[in-house]
Structures are given as C-alpha cells and as structure tokens.
C-alpha cells in the first residue's frame, strides 16, 4: 500500500486534467493498494472521478 496526493496521480497519467481540478481536490490523499507504479491511465481516471464525487459529497454536508 502507498499513500499519494491526487495531484501526483494526475500529473503522471492525466496531466491535461490538472487545470480542471481545484487545489483542494489535488491535495487529497489517495491510498493505492498496489502502489503508484502499478497505476495505469484508466485507473487514474477512475480515481479522479471517484475523488471528485467524494469531495463534492463532503462539501454538501458542511
């Protein structure tokens, strides 16, 4: 297992998405079961989608 910032995932695999994300979203910690080096582009897209939806859900609760 490895914990990384969402910004690291985005910059490596989907850098074109970087400007579309908020700083607070990019700063989120993501726990990767198989580590950073095992990630592929499709994995990164799924992580970004899920992270944004979770971030928005938390924002609505506050």
C-alpha atoms as a PDB file:
ATOM      1  CA  UNK A   1       0.000   0.000   0.000  1.00  0.00           C
ATOM      2  CA  UNK A   2       1.087   3.530  -0.724  1.00  0.00           C
ATOM      3  CA  UNK A   3      -0.486   6.926   0.003  1.00  0.00           C
ATOM      4  CA  UNK A   4      -0.037   9.703  -2.570  1.00  0.00           C
ATOM      5  CA  UNK A   5      -1.627  13.037  -3.358  1.00  0.00           C
ATOM      6  CA  UNK A   6      -4.168  13.087  -6.161  1.00  0.00           C
ATOM      7  CA  UNK A   7      -2.006  15.734  -7.857  1.00  0.00           C
ATOM      8  CA  UNK A   8       0.810  13.199  -8.285  1.00  0.00           C
ATOM      9  CA  UNK A   9      -1.530  10.732  -9.973  1.00  0.00           C
ATOM     10  CA  UNK A  10      -2.960  13.403 -12.258  1.00  0.00           C
ATOM     11  CA  UNK A  11       0.429  14.800 -13.239  1.00  0.00           C
ATOM     12  CA  UNK A  12       1.778  11.366 -14.167  1.00  0.00           C
ATOM     13  CA  UNK A  13      -1.166   9.866 -16.027  1.00  0.00           C
ATOM     14  CA  UNK A  14      -3.665  12.599 -16.941  1.00  0.00           C
ATOM     15  CA  UNK A  15      -1.828  15.942 -16.911  1.00  0.00           C
ATOM     16  CA  UNK A  16      -4.435  17.502 -19.206  1.00  0.00           C
ATOM     17  CA  UNK A  17      -6.925  17.267 -16.312  1.00  0.00           C
ATOM     18  CA  UNK A  18      -4.710  19.182 -13.879  1.00  0.00           C
ATOM     19  CA  UNK A  19      -6.111  22.673 -14.663  1.00  0.00           C
ATOM     20  CA  UNK A  20      -9.684  21.387 -14.285  1.00  0.00           C
ATOM     21  CA  UNK A  21      -9.239  20.359 -10.661  1.00  0.00           C
ATOM     22  CA  UNK A  22      -9.363  22.541  -7.567  1.00  0.00           C
ATOM     23  CA  UNK A  23      -6.319  22.827  -5.342  1.00  0.00           C
ATOM     24  CA  UNK A  24      -8.233  21.176  -2.506  1.00  0.00           C
ATOM     25  CA  UNK A  25      -9.058  18.216  -4.758  1.00  0.00           C
ATOM     26  CA  UNK A  26      -5.468  17.880  -5.944  1.00  0.00           C
ATOM     27  CA  UNK A  27      -4.298  17.863  -2.319  1.00  0.00           C
ATOM     28  CA  UNK A  28      -6.409  14.826  -1.383  1.00  0.00           C
ATOM     29  CA  UNK A  29      -4.617  11.747  -0.083  1.00  0.00           C
ATOM     30  CA  UNK A  30      -5.256   8.604  -2.111  1.00  0.00           C
ATOM     31  CA  UNK A  31      -4.362   5.155  -0.782  1.00  0.00           C
ATOM     32  CA  UNK A  32      -3.181   2.833  -3.545  1.00  0.00           C
ATOM     33  CA  UNK A  33      -3.417  -0.868  -2.809  1.00  0.00           C
ATOM     34  CA  UNK A  34      -0.725  -1.869  -5.323  1.00  0.00           C
ATOM     35  CA  UNK A  35       1.374   1.290  -5.232  1.00  0.00           C
ATOM     36  CA  UNK A  36       1.934   4.225  -7.538  1.00  0.00           C
ATOM     37  CA  UNK A  37       3.995   2.349 -10.116  1.00  0.00           C
ATOM     38  CA  UNK A  38       1.142  -0.093 -10.802  1.00  0.00           C
ATOM     39  CA  UNK A  39      -1.282   2.635 -11.895  1.00  0.00           C
ATOM     40  CA  UNK A  40      -2.488   2.915 -15.473  1.00  0.00           C
ATOM     41  CA  UNK A  41      -4.320   5.768 -17.190  1.00  0.00           C
ATOM     42  CA  UNK A  42      -7.752   4.153 -16.810  1.00  0.00           C
ATOM     43  CA  UNK A  43      -7.078   3.691 -13.100  1.00  0.00           C
ATOM     44  CA  UNK A  44      -6.194   7.362 -12.790  1.00  0.00           C
ATOM     45  CA  UNK A  45      -9.420   8.450 -14.493  1.00  0.00           C
ATOM     46  CA  UNK A  46     -11.474   6.287 -12.144  1.00  0.00           C
ATOM     47  CA  UNK A  47      -9.629   7.644  -9.113  1.00  0.00           C
ATOM     48  CA  UNK A  48     -10.151  11.250 -10.223  1.00  0.00           C
ATOM     49  CA  UNK A  49     -13.888  10.698 -10.835  1.00  0.00           C
ATOM     50  CA  UNK A  50     -14.384   8.969  -7.512  1.00  0.00           C
ATOM     51  CA  UNK A  51     -12.307  11.523  -5.589  1.00  0.00           C
ATOM     52  CA  UNK A  52     -14.233  14.459  -7.031  1.00  0.00           C
ATOM     53  CA  UNK A  53     -17.586  12.872  -6.230  1.00  0.00           C
ATOM     54  CA  UNK A  54     -16.461  12.143  -2.661  1.00  0.00           C
ATOM     55  CA  UNK A  55     -15.116  15.682  -2.272  1.00  0.00           C
ATOM     56  CA  UNK A  56     -18.387  17.170  -3.503  1.00  0.00           C
ATOM     57  CA  UNK A  57     -20.397  14.905  -1.197  1.00  0.00           C
ATOM     58  CA  UNK A  58     -18.347  16.093   1.795  1.00  0.00           C
ATOM     59  CA  UNK A  59     -18.766  19.732   0.730  1.00  0.00           C
ATOM     60  CA  UNK A  60     -22.543  19.362   0.669  1.00  0.00           C
ATOM     61  CA  UNK A  61     -22.569  18.002   4.207  1.00  0.00           C
ATOM     62  CA  UNK A  62     -20.804  21.043   5.642  1.00  0.00           C
END
